[in-house]
C-alpha atoms as a PDB file:
ATOM      1  CA  MET A   1       0.000   0.000   0.000  1.00  0.00           C
ATOM      2  CA  ALA A   2       1.404   3.376  -0.948  1.00  0.00           C
ATOM      3  CA  VAL A   3       1.980   5.811   1.888  1.00  0.00           C
ATOM      4  CA  SER A   4       0.840   9.392   1.414  1.00  0.00           C
ATOM      5  CA  SER A   5       3.350  12.208   1.717  1.00  0.00           C
ATOM      6  CA  PRO A   6       4.023  13.748   5.153  1.00  0.00           C
ATOM      7  CA  GLU A   7       2.456  16.998   3.973  1.00  0.00           C
ATOM      8  CA  LEU A   8      -0.866  15.255   3.403  1.00  0.00           C
ATOM      9  CA  LEU A   9      -0.618  13.371   6.676  1.00  0.00           C
ATOM     10  CA  ASP A  10      -0.195  16.671   8.495  1.00  0.00           C
ATOM     11  CA  ARG A  11      -3.838  17.414   7.689  1.00  0.00           C
ATOM     12  CA  PRO A  12      -5.955  14.625   9.232  1.00  0.00           C
ATOM     13  CA  ARG A  13      -9.714  14.983   9.003  1.00  0.00           C
ATOM     14  CA  ALA A  14      -9.508  18.303   7.177  1.00  0.00           C
ATOM     15  CA  ARG A  15     -12.432  20.656   7.641  1.00  0.00           C
ATOM     16  CA  PRO A  16     -13.497  23.581   5.471  1.00  0.00           C
ATOM     17  CA  ALA A  17     -11.331  26.616   6.157  1.00  0.00           C
ATOM     18  CA  ALA A  18     -14.387  28.767   6.884  1.00  0.00           C
ATOM     19  CA  GLY A  19     -15.279  26.736  10.000  1.00  0.00           C
ATOM     20  CA  PRO A  20     -12.002  27.219  11.916  1.00  0.00           C
ATOM     21  CA  ALA A  21     -11.708  30.820  10.712  1.00  0.00           C
ATOM     22  CA  ARG A  22     -15.201  31.604  11.989  1.00  0.00           C
ATOM     23  CA  ALA A  23     -14.491  29.795  15.268  1.00  0.00           C
ATOM     24  CA  GLY A  24     -11.306  31.835  15.657  1.00  0.00           C
ATOM     25  CA  ALA A  25     -13.103  35.120  15.043  1.00  0.00           C
ATOM     26  CA  VAL A  26     -15.842  34.221  17.523  1.00  0.00           C
ATOM     27  CA  MET A  27     -13.197  33.212  20.051  1.00  0.00           C
ATOM     28  CA  LEU A  28     -11.433  36.584  19.836  1.00  0.00           C
ATOM     29  CA  VAL A  29     -14.675  38.525  20.285  1.00  0.00           C
ATOM     30  CA  VAL A  30     -15.902  36.382  23.194  1.00  0.00           C
ATOM     31  CA  LEU A  31     -12.457  36.444  24.806  1.00  0.00           C
ATOM     32  CA  LEU A  32     -12.403  40.249  24.708  1.00  0.00           C
ATOM     33  CA  LEU A  33     -15.896  40.462  26.213  1.00  0.00           C
ATOM     34  CA  ALA A  34     -14.997  37.901  28.887  1.00  0.00           C
ATOM     35  CA  ALA A  35     -11.865  39.857  29.828  1.00  0.00           C
ATOM     36  CA  VAL A  36     -13.805  43.125  30.124  1.00  0.00           C
ATOM     37  CA  ALA A  37     -16.502  41.426  32.202  1.00  0.00           C
ATOM     38  CA  SER A  38     -13.865  39.868  34.435  1.00  0.00           C
ATOM     39  CA  VAL A  39     -12.503  43.322  35.305  1.00  0.00           C
ATOM     40  CA  LEU A  40     -15.827  45.102  35.729  1.00  0.00           C
ATOM     41  CA  VAL A  41     -18.216  42.487  37.136  1.00  0.00           C
ATOM     42  CA  GLY A  42     -18.239  41.334  40.730  1.00  0.00           C
ATOM     43  CA  SER A  43     -20.154  41.395  43.973  1.00  0.00           C
ATOM     44  CA  ARG A  44     -19.334  45.105  44.138  1.00  0.00           C
ATOM     45  CA  GLY A  45     -20.042  47.389  41.194  1.00  0.00           C
ATOM     46  CA  VAL A  46     -17.112  49.575  40.203  1.00  0.00           C
ATOM     47  CA  SER A  47     -16.840  52.207  37.469  1.00  0.00           C
ATOM     48  CA  PRO A  48     -13.984  51.774  34.962  1.00  0.00           C
ATOM     49  CA  LEU A  49     -13.032  55.408  35.669  1.00  0.00           C
ATOM     50  CA  ALA A  50     -12.076  54.391  39.212  1.00  0.00           C
ATOM     51  CA  VAL A  51      -8.696  53.323  37.894  1.00  0.00           C
ATOM     52  CA  LEU A  52      -7.880  57.031  37.479  1.00  0.00           C
ATOM     53  CA  GLU A  53      -8.595  57.828  41.116  1.00  0.00           C
ATOM     54  CA  ALA A  54      -6.948  56.661  44.312  1.00  0.00           C
ATOM     55  CA  GLY A  55      -9.248  54.794  46.642  1.00  0.00           C
ATOM     56  CA  PRO A  56     -10.853  51.417  47.399  1.00  0.00           C
ATOM     57  CA  ASP A  57     -12.518  51.162  43.971  1.00  0.00           C
ATOM     58  CA  ARG A  58      -9.140  51.390  42.275  1.00  0.00           C
ATOM     59  CA  VAL A  59      -7.820  48.613  44.511  1.00  0.00           C
ATOM     60  CA  VAL A  60     -10.779  46.435  43.494  1.00  0.00           C
ATOM     61  CA  LEU A  61     -10.133  47.059  39.794  1.00  0.00           C
ATOM     62  CA  GLU A  62      -6.433  46.266  40.141  1.00  0.00           C
ATOM     63  CA  SER A  63      -7.243  43.060  41.995  1.00  0.00           C
ATOM     64  CA  ARG A  64      -9.654  42.024  39.257  1.00  0.00           C
ATOM     65  CA  ALA A  65      -7.099  42.924  36.591  1.00  0.00           C
ATOM     66  CA  VAL A  66      -4.650  40.489  38.211  1.00  0.00           C
ATOM     67  CA  ARG A  67      -7.323  37.776  38.256  1.00  0.00           C
ATOM     68  CA  THR A  68      -8.141  38.470  34.618  1.00  0.00           C
ATOM     69  CA  VAL A  69      -4.556  38.175  33.399  1.00  0.00           C
ATOM     70  CA  LEU A  70      -4.018  35.080  35.519  1.00  0.00           C
ATOM     71  CA  GLY A  71      -7.275  33.595  34.215  1.00  0.00           C
ATOM     72  CA  LEU A  72      -6.131  34.197  30.646  1.00  0.00           C
ATOM     73  CA  LEU A  73      -2.824  32.455  31.304  1.00  0.00           C
ATOM     74  CA  VAL A  74      -4.259  29.542  33.275  1.00  0.00           C
ATOM     75  CA  GLY A  75      -7.162  28.950  30.885  1.00  0.00           C
ATOM     76  CA  THR A  76      -4.876  29.058  27.870  1.00  0.00           C
ATOM     77  CA  ALA A  77      -2.472  26.628  29.508  1.00  0.00           C
ATOM     78  CA  LEU A  78      -5.177  24.149  30.568  1.00  0.00           C
ATOM     79  CA  GLY A  79      -6.974  24.154  27.213  1.00  0.00           C
ATOM     80  CA  LEU A  80      -3.708  23.692  25.362  1.00  0.00           C
ATOM     81  CA  ALA A  81      -2.418  21.046  27.769  1.00  0.00           C
ATOM     82  CA  GLY A  82      -5.654  19.067  27.496  1.00  0.00           C
ATOM     83  CA  ALA A  83      -5.544  19.038  23.696  1.00  0.00           C
ATOM     84  CA  ALA A  84      -1.875  18.017  23.742  1.00  0.00           C
ATOM     85  CA  MET A  85      -2.520  15.262  26.307  1.00  0.00           C
ATOM     86  CA  GLN A  86      -5.360  13.813  24.282  1.00  0.00           C
ATOM     87  CA  GLY A  87      -3.178  13.847  21.187  1.00  0.00           C
ATOM     88  CA  LEU A  88      -0.189  12.345  22.979  1.00  0.00           C
ATOM     89  CA  THR A  89      -2.068   9.504  24.663  1.00  0.00           C
ATOM     90  CA  ARG A  90      -4.704   9.118  21.917  1.00  0.00           C
ATOM     91  CA  ASN A  91      -7.120   8.990  24.825  1.00  0.00           C
ATOM     92  CA  PRO A  92     -10.270  11.153  24.576  1.00  0.00           C
ATOM     93  CA  LEU A  93     -10.562  11.262  28.387  1.00  0.00           C
ATOM     94  CA  ALA A  94      -7.077  12.656  28.971  1.00  0.00           C
ATOM     95  CA  ASP A  95      -6.671  15.796  31.101  1.00  0.00           C
ATOM     96  CA  PRO A  96      -4.034  17.065  33.562  1.00  0.00           C
ATOM     97  CA  GLY A  97      -4.969  14.236  35.917  1.00  0.00           C
ATOM     98  CA  ILE A  98      -4.229  11.462  33.442  1.00  0.00           C
ATOM     99  CA  LEU A  99      -0.450  11.826  33.767  1.00  0.00           C
ATOM    100  CA  GLY A 100      -0.579  12.361  37.519  1.00  0.00           C
ATOM    101  CA  VAL A 101       0.012  16.122  37.297  1.00  0.00           C
ATOM    102  CA  ASN A 102      -2.556  17.131  39.914  1.00  0.00           C
ATOM    103  CA  ALA A 103      -1.737  14.269  42.261  1.00  0.00           C
ATOM    104  CA  GLY A 104       2.003  14.904  42.027  1.00  0.00           C
ATOM    105  CA  ALA A 105       1.552  18.623  42.703  1.00  0.00           C
ATOM    106  CA  ALA A 106      -0.656  17.978  45.731  1.00  0.00           C
ATOM    107  CA  LEU A 107       1.742  15.425  47.214  1.00  0.00           C
ATOM    108  CA  ALA A 108       4.701  17.778  46.781  1.00  0.00           C
ATOM    109  CA  ILE A 109       2.897  20.594  48.618  1.00  0.00           C
ATOM    110  CA  VAL A 110       1.979  18.283  51.493  1.00  0.00           C
ATOM    111  CA  LEU A 111       5.505  16.951  51.856  1.00  0.00           C
ATOM    112  CA  GLY A 112       6.984  20.456  51.608  1.00  0.00           C
ATOM    113  CA  ILE A 113       4.761  21.793  54.386  1.00  0.00           C
ATOM    114  CA  VAL A 114       5.334  18.885  56.734  1.00  0.00           C
ATOM    115  CA  TYR A 115       9.019  18.131  56.190  1.00  0.00           C
ATOM    116  CA  LEU A 116      10.455  21.406  54.832  1.00  0.00           C
ATOM    117  CA  GLY A 117       8.333  23.912  56.745  1.00  0.00           C
ATOM    118  CA  ALA A 118       7.269  25.563  53.479  1.00  0.00           C
ATOM    119  CA  GLY A 119       4.804  28.445  53.671  1.00  0.00           C
ATOM    120  CA  GLY A 120       3.456  31.121  51.380  1.00  0.00           C
ATOM    121  CA  LEU A 121       2.029  31.060  47.876  1.00  0.00           C
ATOM    122  CA  HIS A 122       5.350  31.181  46.034  1.00  0.00           C
ATOM    123  CA  ALA A 123       6.700  28.222  47.986  1.00  0.00           C
ATOM    124  CA  TYR A 124       3.547  26.238  47.240  1.00  0.00           C
ATOM    125  CA  MET A 125       3.828  27.143  43.565  1.00  0.00           C
ATOM    126  CA  LEU A 126       7.401  25.894  43.379  1.00  0.00           C
ATOM    127  CA  LEU A 127       6.560  22.680  45.213  1.00  0.00           C
ATOM    128  CA  ALA A 128       3.533  22.031  43.027  1.00  0.00           C
ATOM    129  CA  PHE A 129       5.488  22.577  39.840  1.00  0.00           C
ATOM    130  CA  VAL A 130       8.305  20.265  40.932  1.00  0.00           C
ATOM    131  CA  GLY A 131       5.782  17.633  41.989  1.00  0.00           C
ATOM    132  CA  ALA A 132       3.966  17.832  38.663  1.00  0.00           C
ATOM    133  CA  ALA A 133       7.219  17.521  36.736  1.00  0.00           C
ATOM    134  CA  VAL A 134       8.473  14.566  38.782  1.00  0.00           C
ATOM    135  CA  ALA A 135       5.087  12.843  38.467  1.00  0.00           C
ATOM    136  CA  SER A 136       5.060  13.181  34.693  1.00  0.00           C
ATOM    137  CA  VAL A 137       8.622  11.872  34.375  1.00  0.00           C
ATOM    138  CA  MET A 138       7.873   8.915  36.635  1.00  0.00           C
ATOM    139  CA  VAL A 139       4.665   8.038  34.790  1.00  0.00           C
ATOM    140  CA  HIS A 140       6.458   8.140  31.444  1.00  0.00           C
ATOM    141  CA  ALA A 141       9.348   6.069  32.812  1.00  0.00           C
ATOM    142  CA  ILE A 142       6.980   3.450  34.239  1.00  0.00           C
ATOM    143  CA  ALA A 143       4.991   3.296  31.019  1.00  0.00           C
ATOM    144  CA  GLY A 144       8.212   2.898  29.058  1.00  0.00           C
ATOM    145  CA  LEU A 145       9.142  -0.342  30.793  1.00  0.00           C
ATOM    146  CA  GLY A 146       8.687  -3.574  28.892  1.00  0.00           C
ATOM    147  CA  ARG A 147       7.937  -4.117  25.236  1.00  0.00           C
ATOM    148  CA  ASP A 148       6.723  -1.383  22.870  1.00  0.00           C
ATOM    149  CA  GLY A 149       7.745   1.474  25.173  1.00  0.00           C
ATOM    150  CA  ALA A 150       5.344   4.129  26.455  1.00  0.00           C
ATOM    151  CA  THR A 151       2.244   3.326  24.437  1.00  0.00           C
ATOM    152  CA  PRO A 152      -0.967   5.354  24.944  1.00  0.00           C
ATOM    153  CA  ALA A 153      -2.621   2.540  26.877  1.00  0.00           C
ATOM    154  CA  LYS A 154       0.382   2.081  29.175  1.00  0.00           C
ATOM    155  CA  LEU A 155       0.631   5.836  29.778  1.00  0.00           C
ATOM    156  CA  THR A 156      -3.023   5.912  30.801  1.00  0.00           C
ATOM    157  CA  VAL A 157      -2.696   2.970  33.183  1.00  0.00           C
ATOM    158  CA  ALA A 158       0.563   4.246  34.666  1.00  0.00           C
ATOM    159  CA  GLY A 159      -0.910   7.728  35.164  1.00  0.00           C
ATOM    160  CA  ALA A 160      -4.000   6.365  36.903  1.00  0.00           C
ATOM    161  CA  ALA A 161      -1.920   4.113  39.160  1.00  0.00           C
ATOM    162  CA  PHE A 162       0.459   6.924  40.122  1.00  0.00           C
ATOM    163  CA  ALA A 163      -2.418   9.326  40.783  1.00  0.00           C
ATOM    164  CA  ALA A 164      -4.111   6.798  43.071  1.00  0.00           C
ATOM    165  CA  ALA A 165      -0.919   6.140  45.035  1.00  0.00           C
ATOM    166  CA  ALA A 166       0.014   9.832  45.356  1.00  0.00           C
ATOM    167  CA  SER A 167      -3.513  10.771  46.417  1.00  0.00           C
ATOM    168  CA  SER A 168      -3.464   8.119  49.137  1.00  0.00           C
ATOM    169  CA  TRP A 169      -0.233   9.487  50.603  1.00  0.00           C
ATOM    170  CA  THR A 170      -1.565  13.040  50.366  1.00  0.00           C
ATOM    171  CA  VAL A 171      -4.709  12.185  52.310  1.00  0.00           C
ATOM    172  CA  ALA A 172      -2.724  10.215  54.891  1.00  0.00           C
ATOM    173  CA  VAL A 173      -0.430  13.163  55.654  1.00  0.00           C
ATOM    174  CA  GLN A 174      -3.320  15.647  55.805  1.00  0.00           C
ATOM    175  CA  MET A 175      -5.096  13.533  58.395  1.00  0.00           C
ATOM    176  CA  VAL A 176      -2.294  14.019  60.921  1.00  0.00           C
ATOM    177  CA  ASP A 177      -1.395  17.673  60.259  1.00  0.00           C
ATOM    178  CA  GLN A 178      -4.030  20.399  60.666  1.00  0.00           C
ATOM    179  CA  THR A 179      -1.946  23.122  58.979  1.00  0.00           C
ATOM    180  CA  THR A 180      -1.463  20.985  55.915  1.00  0.00           C
ATOM    181  CA  LEU A 181      -5.167  20.147  55.864  1.00  0.00           C
ATOM    182  CA  ASP A 182      -6.109  23.856  55.903  1.00  0.00           C
ATOM    183  CA  VAL A 183      -3.686  24.734  53.101  1.00  0.00           C
ATOM    184  CA  MET A 184      -4.735  21.845  50.888  1.00  0.00           C
ATOM    185  CA  ARG A 185      -8.426  22.513  51.430  1.00  0.00           C
ATOM    186  CA  ARG A 186      -8.031  25.984  49.925  1.00  0.00           C
ATOM    187  CA  TRP A 187      -5.666  24.928  47.150  1.00  0.00           C
ATOM    188  CA  GLN A 188      -7.589  21.853  45.987  1.00  0.00           C
ATOM    189  CA  VAL A 189     -10.753  23.866  45.245  1.00  0.00           C
ATOM    190  CA  GLY A 190      -9.031  25.840  42.476  1.00  0.00           C
ATOM    191  CA  SER A 191      -8.983  29.633  42.683  1.00  0.00           C
ATOM    192  CA  LEU A 192      -7.585  32.726  40.964  1.00  0.00           C
ATOM    193  CA  GLY A 193      -8.140  35.030  43.942  1.00  0.00           C
ATOM    194  CA  GLY A 194      -5.537  36.246  46.405  1.00  0.00           C
ATOM    195  CA  ARG A 195      -2.766  36.595  43.809  1.00  0.00           C
ATOM    196  CA  ASP A 196      -0.741  39.671  42.883  1.00  0.00           C
ATOM    197  CA  TRP A 197       1.325  40.959  39.979  1.00  0.00           C
ATOM    198  CA  ASP A 198       4.424  39.273  41.387  1.00  0.00           C
ATOM    199  CA  THR A 199       2.651  35.938  41.008  1.00  0.00           C
ATOM    200  CA  VAL A 200       1.728  36.750  37.431  1.00  0.00           C
ATOM    201  CA  GLY A 201       5.311  37.759  36.708  1.00  0.00           C
ATOM    202  CA  ALA A 202       6.596  34.508  38.182  1.00  0.00           C
ATOM    203  CA  VAL A 203       4.369  32.169  36.158  1.00  0.00           C
ATOM    204  CA  ALA A 204       3.976  34.083  32.880  1.00  0.00           C
ATOM    205  CA  PRO A 205       7.445  33.302  31.439  1.00  0.00           C
ATOM    206  CA  VAL A 206       7.088  29.580  32.128  1.00  0.00           C
ATOM    207  CA  LEU A 207       3.597  29.440  30.656  1.00  0.00           C
ATOM    208  CA  LEU A 208       4.608  31.421  27.580  1.00  0.00           C
ATOM    209  CA  VAL A 209       7.466  28.999  26.925  1.00  0.00           C
ATOM    210  CA  GLY A 210       5.082  26.067  27.311  1.00  0.00           C
ATOM    211  CA  ILE A 211       2.514  27.675  25.002  1.00  0.00           C
ATOM    212  CA  ALA A 212       5.092  28.337  22.297  1.00  0.00           C
ATOM    213  CA  MET A 213       6.538  24.847  22.634  1.00  0.00           C
ATOM    214  CA  ALA A 214       3.131  23.138  22.379  1.00  0.00           C
ATOM    215  CA  LEU A 215       2.107  25.145  19.310  1.00  0.00           C
ATOM    216  CA  LEU A 216       5.392  24.352  17.581  1.00  0.00           C
ATOM    217  CA  LEU A 217       4.763  20.638  18.195  1.00  0.00           C
ATOM    218  CA  SER A 218       1.407  20.601  16.387  1.00  0.00           C
ATOM    219  CA  LYS A 219       2.769  18.699  13.372  1.00  0.00           C
ATOM    220  CA  THR A 220       4.506  16.277  15.723  1.00  0.00           C
ATOM    221  CA  LEU A 221       1.162  15.499  17.380  1.00  0.00           C
ATOM    222  CA  ASN A 222      -0.398  14.976  13.955  1.00  0.00           C
ATOM    223  CA  SER A 223       2.268  12.392  13.198  1.00  0.00           C
ATOM    224  CA  LEU A 224       1.861  10.641  16.570  1.00  0.00           C
ATOM    225  CA  ALA A 225      -1.888  10.447  15.955  1.00  0.00           C
ATOM    226  CA  LEU A 226      -1.192   8.146  13.004  1.00  0.00           C
ATOM    227  CA  GLY A 227       0.242   5.500  15.310  1.00  0.00           C
ATOM    228  CA  ASP A 228       3.849   4.736  16.200  1.00  0.00           C
ATOM    229  CA  ASP A 229       4.506   2.359  13.291  1.00  0.00           C
ATOM    230  CA  LEU A 230       3.371   4.778  10.613  1.00  0.00           C
ATOM    231  CA  ALA A 231       5.032   7.717  12.353  1.00  0.00           C
ATOM    232  CA  LYS A 232       8.338   5.820  12.444  1.00  0.00           C
ATOM    233  CA  GLY A 233       7.874   4.951   8.775  1.00  0.00           C
ATOM    234  CA  LEU A 234       7.708   8.687   8.078  1.00  0.00           C
ATOM    235  CA  GLY A 235      11.026   9.191   9.833  1.00  0.00           C
ATOM    236  CA  ARG A 236       9.736  10.404  13.180  1.00  0.00           C
ATOM    237  CA  HIS A 237      11.599   9.566  16.392  1.00  0.00           C
ATOM    238  CA  THR A 238       8.499   8.780  18.428  1.00  0.00           C
ATOM    239  CA  GLY A 239      10.300   8.430  21.757  1.00  0.00           C
ATOM    240  CA  ARG A 240      11.888  11.858  21.439  1.00  0.00           C
ATOM    241  CA  ASP A 241       8.637  13.357  20.171  1.00  0.00           C
ATOM    242  CA  ARG A 242       6.705  12.043  23.174  1.00  0.00           C
ATOM    243  CA  VAL A 243       9.289  13.463  25.569  1.00  0.00           C
ATOM    244  CA  LEU A 244       9.078  16.909  23.942  1.00  0.00           C
ATOM    245  CA  VAL A 245       5.291  16.940  24.064  1.00  0.00           C
ATOM    246  CA  GLY A 246       5.437  15.715  27.663  1.00  0.00           C
ATOM    247  CA  VAL A 247       7.756  18.576  28.621  1.00  0.00           C
ATOM    248  CA  ALA A 248       5.340  21.088  27.090  1.00  0.00           C
ATOM    249  CA  ILE A 249       2.448  19.520  29.007  1.00  0.00           C
ATOM    250  CA  VAL A 250       4.368  19.697  32.294  1.00  0.00           C
ATOM    251  CA  LEU A 251       5.210  23.363  31.735  1.00  0.00           C
ATOM    252  CA  LEU A 252       1.582  24.176  30.977  1.00  0.00           C
ATOM    253  CA  ALA A 253      -0.439  21.962  33.289  1.00  0.00           C
ATOM    254  CA  GLY A 254       2.129  21.914  36.081  1.00  0.00           C
ATOM    255  CA  THR A 255       2.461  25.678  36.292  1.00  0.00           C
ATOM    256  CA  ALA A 256      -1.279  26.310  35.925  1.00  0.00           C
ATOM    257  CA  THR A 257      -2.050  23.759  38.625  1.00  0.00           C
ATOM    258  CA  ALA A 258       0.643  25.196  40.873  1.00  0.00           C
ATOM    259  CA  VAL A 259      -0.706  28.739  40.775  1.00  0.00           C
ATOM    260  CA  ALA A 260      -4.462  28.099  40.665  1.00  0.00           C
ATOM    261  CA  GLY A 261      -4.974  24.581  41.991  1.00  0.00           C
ATOM    262  CA  PRO A 262      -6.543  21.681  40.083  1.00  0.00           C
ATOM    263  CA  ILE A 263      -9.183  23.392  37.935  1.00  0.00           C
ATOM    264  CA  ALA A 264     -11.250  20.573  36.470  1.00  0.00           C
ATOM    265  CA  PHE A 265     -12.781  19.935  33.043  1.00  0.00           C
ATOM    266  CA  VAL A 266     -11.118  22.756  31.094  1.00  0.00           C
ATOM    267  CA  GLY A 267      -8.515  20.466  29.535  1.00  0.00           C
ATOM    268  CA  LEU A 268     -11.105  17.738  29.055  1.00  0.00           C
ATOM    269  CA  VAL A 269     -14.131  19.521  27.589  1.00  0.00           C
ATOM    270  CA  VAL A 270     -12.627  22.388  25.569  1.00  0.00           C
ATOM    271  CA  PRO A 271     -10.645  20.231  23.079  1.00  0.00           C
ATOM    272  CA  HIS A 272     -13.784  18.178  22.368  1.00  0.00           C
ATOM    273  CA  LEU A 273     -15.761  21.343  21.669  1.00  0.00           C
ATOM    274  CA  VAL A 274     -13.067  22.650  19.331  1.00  0.00           C
ATOM    275  CA  ARG A 275     -12.494  19.294  17.635  1.00  0.00           C
ATOM    276  CA  GLY A 276     -16.058  19.417  16.304  1.00  0.00           C
ATOM    277  CA  VAL A 277     -14.930  22.381  14.156  1.00  0.00           C
ATOM    278  CA  THR A 278     -11.285  21.612  13.373  1.00  0.00           C
ATOM    279  CA  GLY A 279     -11.227  17.828  13.212  1.00  0.00           C
ATOM    280  CA  SER A 280      -8.056  16.269  14.571  1.00  0.00           C
ATOM    281  CA  ASP A 281      -5.613  18.658  12.882  1.00  0.00           C
ATOM    282  CA  HIS A 282      -3.556  19.895  15.823  1.00  0.00           C
ATOM    283  CA  ARG A 283      -2.374  22.934  13.900  1.00  0.00           C
ATOM    284  CA  LEU A 284      -5.914  24.275  14.304  1.00  0.00           C
ATOM    285  CA  LEU A 285      -6.979  22.350  17.393  1.00  0.00           C
ATOM    286  CA  LEU A 286      -4.208  23.615  19.685  1.00  0.00           C
ATOM    287  CA  PRO A 287      -4.556  27.391  19.238  1.00  0.00           C
ATOM    288  CA  LEU A 288      -8.357  27.284  19.357  1.00  0.00           C
ATOM    289  CA  SER A 289      -8.301  25.065  22.451  1.00  0.00           C
ATOM    290  CA  ALA A 290      -5.961  27.571  24.084  1.00  0.00           C
ATOM    291  CA  GLY A 291      -8.286  30.494  23.328  1.00  0.00           C
ATOM    292  CA  TYR A 292     -11.509  28.802  24.343  1.00  0.00           C
ATOM    293  CA  GLY A 293      -9.831  27.467  27.483  1.00  0.00           C
ATOM    294  CA  ALA A 294      -9.131  31.068  28.485  1.00  0.00           C
ATOM    295  CA  VAL A 295     -12.752  32.016  27.709  1.00  0.00           C
ATOM    296  CA  LEU A 296     -14.116  29.210  29.903  1.00  0.00           C
ATOM    297  CA  VAL A 297     -11.898  30.036  32.879  1.00  0.00           C
ATOM    298  CA  LEU A 298     -12.626  33.774  32.714  1.00  0.00           C
ATOM    299  CA  LEU A 299     -16.376  33.280  32.423  1.00  0.00           C
ATOM    300  CA  ALA A 300     -16.426  30.681  35.203  1.00  0.00           C
ATOM    301  CA  ASP A 301     -14.453  32.963  37.512  1.00  0.00           C
ATOM    302  CA  THR A 302     -16.676  35.969  36.744  1.00  0.00           C
ATOM    303  CA  VAL A 303     -19.959  34.102  37.232  1.00  0.00           C
ATOM    304  CA  GLY A 304     -18.615  32.602  40.457  1.00  0.00           C
ATOM    305  CA  ARG A 305     -18.272  36.080  41.969  1.00  0.00           C
ATOM    306  CA  VAL A 306     -21.950  36.960  41.552  1.00  0.00           C
ATOM    307  CA  VAL A 307     -23.870  33.685  41.649  1.00  0.00           C
ATOM    308  CA  LEU A 308     -24.090  33.507  45.465  1.00  0.00           C
ATOM    309  CA  PRO A 309     -23.640  37.040  46.866  1.00  0.00           C
ATOM    310  CA  PRO A 310     -22.086  38.248  49.048  1.00  0.00           C
ATOM    311  CA  GLY A 311     -19.881  35.133  48.950  1.00  0.00           C
ATOM    312  CA  GLU A 312     -17.873  33.758  46.052  1.00  0.00           C
ATOM    313  CA  VAL A 313     -17.855  30.364  44.329  1.00  0.00           C
ATOM    314  CA  GLN A 314     -14.318  29.359  43.366  1.00  0.00           C
ATOM    315  CA  VAL A 315     -13.471  28.938  39.685  1.00  0.00           C
ATOM    316  CA  GLY A 316     -12.645  25.252  40.127  1.00  0.00           C
ATOM    317  CA  ILE A 317     -16.192  24.584  41.317  1.00  0.00           C
ATOM    318  CA  MET A 318     -17.740  26.654  38.529  1.00  0.00           C
ATOM    319  CA  THR A 319     -15.841  24.865  35.755  1.00  0.00           C
ATOM    320  CA  ALA A 320     -17.063  21.564  37.191  1.00  0.00           C
ATOM    321  CA  VAL A 321     -20.655  22.852  37.269  1.00  0.00           C
ATOM    322  CA  VAL A 322     -20.378  23.850  33.609  1.00  0.00           C
ATOM    323  CA  GLY A 323     -18.188  20.945  32.548  1.00  0.00           C
ATOM    324  CA  VAL A 324     -20.106  17.957  33.884  1.00  0.00           C
ATOM    325  CA  PRO A 325     -23.368  18.453  31.929  1.00  0.00           C
ATOM    326  CA  PHE A 326     -21.464  19.485  28.807  1.00  0.00           C
ATOM    327  CA  PHE A 327     -19.275  16.414  29.085  1.00  0.00           C
ATOM    328  CA  LEU A 328     -22.347  14.184  29.424  1.00  0.00           C
ATOM    329  CA  LEU A 329     -23.828  15.871  26.358  1.00  0.00           C
ATOM    330  CA  LEU A 330     -20.677  15.070  24.385  1.00  0.00           C
ATOM    331  CA  VAL A 331     -20.944  11.429  25.416  1.00  0.00           C
ATOM    332  CA  ARG A 332     -24.621  11.279  24.432  1.00  0.00           C
ATOM    333  CA  ARG A 333     -23.905  12.749  21.006  1.00  0.00           C
ATOM    334  CA  GLY A 334     -21.072  10.305  20.416  1.00  0.00           C
ATOM    335  CA  ARG A 335     -18.353  12.919  20.078  1.00  0.00           C
ATOM    336  CA  MET A 336     -15.818  11.265  22.348  1.00  0.00           C
ATOM    337  CA  GLY A 337     -13.642   9.885  19.622  1.00  0.00           C
ATOM    338  CA  LEU A 338     -10.448  11.528  18.466  1.00  0.00           C
END
């Protein structure tokens, strides 16, 4: 059987150009509106002109501006990481939990508090990132044992096993340390509040590197989607390719999880929504997943501020509220395949 050229194989399940172009235009408009709403909408009404005057209203606007920028970064990272994970593992249920990212980050924070005396947001961020990176490396190493290397099925099983083990240790430590329990209770909900511009400055460079790296690997993911045998026949080094994609995922999901906690369903639902327009071509799927991931996080965070006044529902809870019924709808319509 003749094998098509790599250029043709870079365009799996091609869709009409008008569909992705229209989806991109809609994304930009909705993203702009979501960003404006994120700054202006909350439990307390504030005029945009307050930024020109000193006072409590200006402090509120600045705080919301931080949340908005952080929401853009985190949402972009989670949407992009989810699409890359699903492409890497060829598993339609893949999200930052499938490679043990969330579980590794949580375990690292717990161990850092108990055994290193760590405290403060920046320390937790560093611990969570290191834990996510170590977890991903370990999962890939475990999946790579035996014949055939780190296949999608073995990555999925290894990730689930690691996540279960790490979660058990995390719960065990929390049960005997009240300080750790309090910290983890706040972090595990998923939140963009309580951050400052220093936090944004600390995570933005890492996330931008991860975003650029993932987008540059779009053709690599297209090749991996063909299966290892065909990808190798086209001259791809599948082991190296998987490591590069894995590094991008760790930078994105690990950093986002470190700064905002485990925000659920963004990396799972958004790529499925976008795939209905783009097909499985990662050159279109990745950037649109990044943009719509940012839209979902911003809207969830904004609605969470006003849905139960005067309190606030954390963004991690809101994305689950939105994500669960949408995910069930995807299953019902049979759009779970890659």
